[in-house]
Amino acid sequence: MAAERCAGGRPRGRRVAAVSLVALAALATGCEPGTAEGAQDVPPPVRATQAAAPTPSPFLTAPAPTTEDAKPSTAPPPSPSASTAAPAPPPTTARPAPEPSTAPPPRVLMRTGSESERVRELQARLRQIGHFGRNPTGYYGSVTADAVRSFQAKRRLPVTGSTDAVTWQRLLAMTRVPTAAELDPPTERPVAAPDERCLKGRVLCISKKSRTLAWMNDGKVVSAMDVRFGSEYTPTREGVFEVFWKSRDHVSTLYDTPMPYALFFSGGQAVHYSADFAANGYGGASHGCVNVRDKKKVAALFDQVKTGDKVVVSW
């Protein structure tokens, strides 16, 4: 029986087979089927260089498109980058207030009223460098305090008038060890020629003119010291007397003042040590007694003089 043919004279089975071969070839090469000529209602294929727009997700809201020079009206200005931003200043730490010094003040070695051989050395050393203008007495009075203030002020030390450890060490560094003559000079004033009544025996020869006392044995001066006398209202009596009483730690019953190493020769008048004379010099006067300002010397004199020794007071 002859094969069945389709309209047009070709067999229908051969046409079906040809169409199947074309479809298989298209699937094997991955190509899309071509567009039939004359079909105008199908959009042109998308070029290979254009990316298809993604389908927006129903759960996200797309931002509004902006141009390059568009500035959001509500967005804050961009912050500068870490490389261009000015560094933040370091945190300032307040300095703690200085605590008050807890160091103790220098120890005071000598002050007004002190009396010792060290005071005598202090005076001798101050005299070496021009701060003490008289002989050492061993007593720390107003004159010595003024000399110490002068020394402290010149060396920029606390000006107290008292000799503390710092002042003393500075003075030692600037001076030498005083000699015996510097520590115990004969007198500040030259001894006057002795009254002729002083040339024999053991005599306290006292001159108002030279303001000195010479302790003499048979015309020879054993020791000498500066003295002062009473004022015009309470003058020291002149003449020849003798020591009738010795009182080492005497205190005046009339004036209630100390009279150490008192050698009484006429009533209540005596040769004795005077702290006021040691401190203030000739700026004051006694109540009639013969004041000695060198305690060391008058102490030695007190030990040597005996009751009954002669006393001569003259001009």
Protein backbone atom coordinates (compact mmCIF):
# COMPACT_ATOMS: atom_id res chain seq x y z
CA MET A 1 0.00 0.00 0.00
CA ALA A 2 1.38 3.35 -0.91
CA ALA A 3 2.56 5.80 1.92
CA GLU A 4 0.05 8.44 3.03
CA ARG A 5 0.87 11.88 1.64
CA CYS A 6 -0.19 15.34 2.95
CA ALA A 7 -1.50 18.14 0.82
CA GLY A 8 1.09 19.41 -1.58
CA GLY A 9 2.18 16.08 -2.70
CA ARG A 10 4.78 15.33 0.06
CA PRO A 11 4.35 12.49 2.38
CA ARG A 12 3.10 13.55 5.88
CA GLY A 13 5.41 11.16 7.78
CA ARG A 14 8.57 12.62 6.24
CA ARG A 15 7.55 16.20 7.26
CA VAL A 16 6.97 15.25 10.85
CA ALA A 17 10.35 13.64 10.97
CA ALA A 18 12.06 16.77 9.65
CA VAL A 19 10.40 19.01 12.26
CA SER A 20 11.49 16.67 15.04
CA LEU A 21 15.10 16.81 13.83
CA VAL A 22 15.10 20.66 13.91
CA ALA A 23 13.73 20.72 17.45
CA LEU A 24 16.34 18.30 18.67
CA ALA A 25 19.10 20.39 17.11
CA ALA A 26 17.87 23.54 18.86
CA LEU A 27 17.82 21.83 22.23
CA ALA A 28 21.32 20.47 21.70
CA THR A 29 22.90 23.89 20.93
CA GLY A 30 21.04 25.85 23.72
CA CYS A 31 19.87 28.52 21.32
CA GLU A 32 16.50 30.17 21.57
CA PRO A 33 14.12 29.63 18.77
CA GLY A 34 14.27 32.34 16.12
CA THR A 35 11.53 34.78 15.35
CA ALA A 36 9.47 34.22 12.33
CA GLU A 37 9.78 36.86 9.72
CA GLY A 38 7.01 39.39 9.62
CA ALA A 39 6.04 39.08 13.31
CA GLN A 40 6.02 42.77 14.54
CA ASP A 41 4.13 42.46 17.84
CA VAL A 42 7.03 40.65 19.66
CA PRO A 43 9.61 42.95 21.32
CA PRO A 44 13.18 42.74 20.10
CA PRO A 45 15.52 40.52 22.02
CA VAL A 46 17.54 42.11 24.86
CA ARG A 47 21.14 42.92 23.96
CA ALA A 48 23.81 40.90 25.71
CA THR A 49 25.38 44.03 27.33
CA GLN A 50 22.20 45.10 29.13
CA ALA A 51 21.34 43.49 32.46
CA ALA A 52 17.79 42.69 33.12
CA ALA A 53 16.26 44.71 35.97
CA PRO A 54 15.72 42.57 39.03
CA THR A 55 12.26 42.05 40.23
CA PRO A 56 11.69 44.17 43.31
CA SER A 57 11.06 42.30 46.51
CA PRO A 58 7.68 42.91 48.02
CA PHE A 59 9.30 43.21 51.45
CA LEU A 60 11.83 46.07 50.67
CA THR A 61 11.22 49.68 49.69
CA ALA A 62 13.57 50.94 47.03
CA PRO A 63 15.29 54.31 47.71
CA ALA A 64 14.25 57.26 45.65
CA PRO A 65 16.62 57.90 42.76
CA THR A 66 18.92 60.90 43.10
CA THR A 67 21.33 62.63 40.81
CA GLU A 68 25.03 63.26 41.58
CA ASP A 69 24.51 66.86 42.82
CA ALA A 70 21.32 66.12 44.69
CA LYS A 71 21.61 66.61 48.48
CA PRO A 72 19.16 65.01 50.83
CA SER A 73 17.28 67.71 52.66
CA THR A 74 17.05 65.81 55.93
CA ALA A 75 20.19 63.71 56.03
CA PRO A 76 23.02 64.97 58.35
CA PRO A 77 26.25 66.22 56.72
CA PRO A 78 28.82 63.54 56.13
CA SER A 79 31.28 63.14 58.97
CA PRO A 80 34.94 63.73 58.11
CA SER A 81 37.06 60.67 57.71
CA ALA A 82 39.48 59.59 60.41
CA SER A 83 42.42 60.67 58.25
CA THR A 84 41.27 64.28 57.85
CA ALA A 85 39.56 64.95 61.20
CA ALA A 86 41.55 67.05 63.71
CA PRO A 87 42.81 64.93 66.60
CA ALA A 88 40.92 65.35 69.82
CA PRO A 89 42.96 67.18 72.49
CA PRO A 90 44.33 64.88 75.19
CA PRO A 91 42.40 64.94 78.43
CA THR A 92 43.83 67.45 80.85
CA THR A 93 44.69 66.24 84.29
CA ALA A 94 44.48 68.86 87.00
CA ARG A 95 47.69 69.12 89.00
CA PRO A 96 47.19 68.32 92.64
CA ALA A 97 47.74 71.21 94.99
CA PRO A 98 51.20 71.04 96.59
CA GLU A 99 51.10 69.58 100.02
CA PRO A 100 52.45 71.74 102.83
CA SER A 101 56.02 70.98 103.76
CA THR A 102 56.29 68.60 106.64
CA ALA A 103 60.02 69.09 107.13
CA PRO A 104 60.75 70.37 110.64
CA PRO A 105 62.42 73.78 110.94
CA PRO A 106 66.15 73.81 111.67
CA ARG A 107 67.00 73.19 115.31
CA VAL A 108 67.83 76.37 117.23
CA LEU A 109 71.24 76.10 118.89
CA MET A 110 71.52 79.57 120.49
CA ARG A 111 69.09 82.41 121.05
CA THR A 112 68.65 85.56 123.12
CA GLY A 113 69.39 84.68 126.73
CA SER A 114 71.80 81.84 125.91
CA GLU A 115 75.09 81.89 127.75
CA SER A 116 77.94 79.52 126.95
CA GLU A 117 81.35 79.06 125.43
CA ARG A 118 79.65 78.34 122.12
CA VAL A 119 78.09 81.82 122.24
CA ARG A 120 81.58 83.20 122.77
CA GLU A 121 82.77 81.31 119.70
CA LEU A 122 79.76 82.57 117.73
CA GLN A 123 80.65 86.15 118.63
CA ALA A 124 84.32 85.65 117.75
CA ARG A 125 83.46 84.17 114.36
CA LEU A 126 80.95 86.95 113.61
CA ARG A 127 83.64 89.46 114.51
CA GLN A 128 86.05 87.85 112.02
CA ILE A 129 83.73 88.77 109.14
CA GLY A 130 82.62 92.16 110.43
CA HIS A 131 79.21 91.42 111.93
CA PHE A 132 80.12 91.77 115.63
CA GLY A 133 81.97 94.91 116.65
CA ARG A 134 83.06 94.10 120.18
CA ASN A 135 84.83 91.52 122.28
CA PRO A 136 83.13 88.18 122.88
CA THR A 137 81.33 87.95 126.18
CA GLY A 138 79.66 84.53 125.98
CA TYR A 139 76.23 86.08 126.49
CA TYR A 140 73.60 86.13 123.69
CA GLY A 141 71.95 89.54 124.02
CA SER A 142 70.38 92.06 121.67
CA VAL A 143 73.74 93.04 120.16
CA THR A 144 74.51 89.42 119.28
CA ALA A 145 70.99 88.88 117.94
CA ASP A 146 71.37 91.95 115.68
CA ALA A 147 74.73 90.61 114.45
CA VAL A 148 73.14 87.25 113.62
CA ARG A 149 70.28 88.98 111.76
CA SER A 150 72.83 90.91 109.71
CA PHE A 151 74.65 87.69 108.83
CA GLN A 152 71.41 85.86 107.94
CA ALA A 153 70.11 88.69 105.74
CA LYS A 154 73.35 88.89 103.76
CA ARG A 155 73.31 85.13 103.16
CA ARG A 156 69.58 85.06 102.31
CA LEU A 157 68.71 82.89 105.27
CA PRO A 158 65.54 83.31 107.33
CA VAL A 159 66.21 86.42 109.41
CA THR A 160 65.31 85.34 112.94
CA GLY A 161 68.17 86.61 115.11
CA SER A 162 68.46 83.11 116.56
CA THR A 163 71.32 80.82 115.57
CA ASP A 164 69.84 77.63 114.13
CA ALA A 165 71.78 74.68 112.74
CA VAL A 166 71.76 76.05 109.17
CA THR A 167 73.05 79.49 110.23
CA TRP A 168 75.73 77.92 112.41
CA GLN A 169 76.98 75.61 109.65
CA ARG A 170 77.11 78.48 107.15
CA LEU A 171 79.12 80.57 109.64
CA LEU A 172 81.53 77.71 110.33
CA ALA A 173 82.13 77.30 106.60
CA MET A 174 83.03 80.99 106.20
CA THR A 175 85.29 81.45 109.23
CA ARG A 176 88.22 79.80 110.99
CA VAL A 177 88.57 78.48 114.49
CA PRO A 178 89.04 81.52 116.77
CA THR A 179 92.33 81.87 118.60
CA ALA A 180 92.54 82.15 122.36
CA ALA A 181 93.17 85.90 122.02
CA GLU A 182 90.04 86.25 119.87
CA LEU A 183 87.94 84.33 122.36
CA ASP A 184 89.35 86.04 125.44
CA PRO A 185 90.81 89.42 124.49
CA PRO A 186 92.19 91.40 127.42
CA THR A 187 89.62 94.19 127.12
CA GLU A 188 87.82 96.05 124.42
CA ARG A 189 89.35 99.22 125.80
CA PRO A 190 93.01 99.81 126.62
CA VAL A 191 93.81 99.51 130.29
CA ALA A 192 94.68 102.83 131.87
CA ALA A 193 97.91 103.39 133.71
CA PRO A 194 97.20 102.12 137.23
CA ASP A 195 96.55 104.46 140.09
CA GLU A 196 99.54 104.54 142.44
CA ARG A 197 97.33 103.04 145.15
CA CYS A 198 97.07 99.91 143.03
CA LEU A 199 100.79 99.11 142.89
CA LYS A 200 101.07 97.15 146.12
CA GLY A 201 99.26 94.04 147.24
CA ARG A 202 96.15 92.41 145.80
CA VAL A 203 94.00 95.12 144.31
CA LEU A 204 90.91 95.51 142.16
CA CYS A 205 92.05 98.64 140.29
CA ILE A 206 88.99 100.27 138.68
CA SER A 207 89.29 103.26 136.33
CA LYS A 208 86.24 105.32 135.38
CA LYS A 209 88.33 107.11 132.78
CA SER A 210 89.24 103.99 130.76
CA ARG A 211 86.20 102.03 131.95
CA THR A 212 88.35 99.04 132.79
CA LEU A 213 89.01 96.83 135.79
CA ALA A 214 92.53 95.40 136.33
CA TRP A 215 93.10 92.64 138.83
CA MET A 216 96.63 93.31 140.08
CA ASN A 217 99.11 91.54 142.33
CA ASP A 218 102.01 93.77 143.47
CA GLY A 219 101.75 96.05 140.45
CA LYS A 220 101.32 93.25 137.87
CA VAL A 221 98.11 92.93 135.89
CA VAL A 222 96.75 89.39 136.23
CA SER A 223 93.57 89.98 134.22
CA ALA A 224 91.59 92.90 132.83
CA MET A 225 87.98 93.42 131.74
CA ASP A 226 85.57 96.10 130.53
CA VAL A 227 83.25 97.64 133.12
CA ARG A 228 80.50 100.24 133.32
CA PHE A 229 79.24 102.31 136.21
CA GLY A 230 76.17 103.89 137.75
CA SER A 231 74.28 106.77 136.16
CA GLU A 232 74.47 110.38 137.38
CA TYR A 233 71.48 109.62 139.62
CA THR A 234 73.05 106.49 141.12
CA PRO A 235 76.83 107.10 140.79
CA THR A 236 79.50 104.58 141.68
CA ARG A 237 81.40 105.82 144.70
CA GLU A 238 85.09 106.59 144.31
CA GLY A 239 87.84 105.86 146.82
CA VAL A 240 89.69 103.00 148.47
CA PHE A 241 87.60 100.10 149.78
CA GLU A 242 87.93 96.43 150.49
CA VAL A 243 85.89 93.38 149.61
CA PHE A 244 83.73 92.57 152.61
CA TRP A 245 81.33 89.99 151.13
CA LYS A 246 81.26 87.55 148.24
CA SER A 247 77.95 86.19 146.86
CA ARG A 248 78.13 83.88 143.84
CA ASP A 249 74.42 83.80 142.92
CA HIS A 250 73.26 87.04 144.43
CA VAL A 251 69.92 88.69 143.55
CA SER A 252 69.34 92.34 144.42
CA THR A 253 66.70 92.72 147.12
CA LEU A 254 66.19 96.35 146.14
CA TYR A 255 65.80 95.93 142.34
CA ASP A 256 65.07 92.19 142.17
CA THR A 257 67.74 91.68 139.50
CA PRO A 258 70.45 88.98 139.32
CA MET A 259 73.97 89.99 140.41
CA PRO A 260 76.08 86.85 139.75
CA TYR A 261 79.64 86.71 141.15
CA ALA A 262 79.08 89.77 143.37
CA LEU A 263 82.08 91.20 145.21
CA PHE A 264 80.66 93.85 147.60
CA PHE A 265 83.01 96.71 148.49
CA SER A 266 80.81 99.68 149.58
CA GLY A 267 77.36 99.20 151.05
CA GLY A 268 75.16 97.72 148.33
CA GLN A 269 77.70 98.46 145.57
CA ALA A 270 79.61 95.52 144.19
CA VAL A 271 81.62 94.30 141.24
CA HIS A 272 79.41 91.70 139.46
CA TYR A 273 78.43 90.21 136.12
CA SER A 274 75.66 92.05 134.21
CA ALA A 275 73.68 90.31 131.51
CA ASP A 276 72.29 93.69 130.46
CA PHE A 277 75.79 95.05 129.96
CA ALA A 278 76.71 91.95 127.95
CA ALA A 279 73.63 92.42 125.77
CA ASN A 280 73.43 96.18 125.35
CA GLY A 281 76.92 97.50 126.03
CA TYR A 282 77.38 101.04 127.18
CA GLY A 283 73.87 102.02 126.18
CA GLY A 284 72.76 101.52 129.77
CA ALA A 285 74.09 102.03 133.27
CA SER A 286 74.05 100.35 136.66
CA HIS A 287 72.46 101.48 139.90
CA GLY A 288 75.92 102.21 141.31
CA CYS A 289 77.60 98.83 140.94
CA VAL A 290 80.61 98.05 138.77
CA ASN A 291 79.18 95.91 135.95
CA VAL A 292 81.32 93.35 134.10
CA ARG A 293 80.06 92.02 130.76
CA ASP A 294 82.43 89.06 130.39
CA LYS A 295 80.96 86.32 132.52
CA LYS A 296 83.88 83.96 132.13
CA LYS A 297 86.36 86.54 133.31
CA VAL A 298 84.35 87.74 136.27
CA ALA A 299 83.73 84.14 137.30
CA ALA A 300 87.50 83.52 137.34
CA LEU A 301 87.99 86.80 139.23
CA PHE A 302 85.40 85.77 141.81
CA ASP A 303 87.37 82.58 142.53
CA GLN A 304 90.67 84.48 142.93
CA VAL A 305 89.60 87.47 145.02
CA LYS A 306 89.43 87.03 148.78
CA THR A 307 87.51 88.88 151.40
CA GLY A 308 89.70 91.80 152.58
CA ASP A 309 91.36 92.44 149.19
CA LYS A 310 91.67 96.13 148.30
CA VAL A 311 89.37 97.94 145.85
CA VAL A 312 90.41 101.27 144.29
CA VAL A 313 87.87 103.27 142.24
CA SER A 314 89.30 106.35 140.54
CA TRP A 315 89.21 108.60 137.48
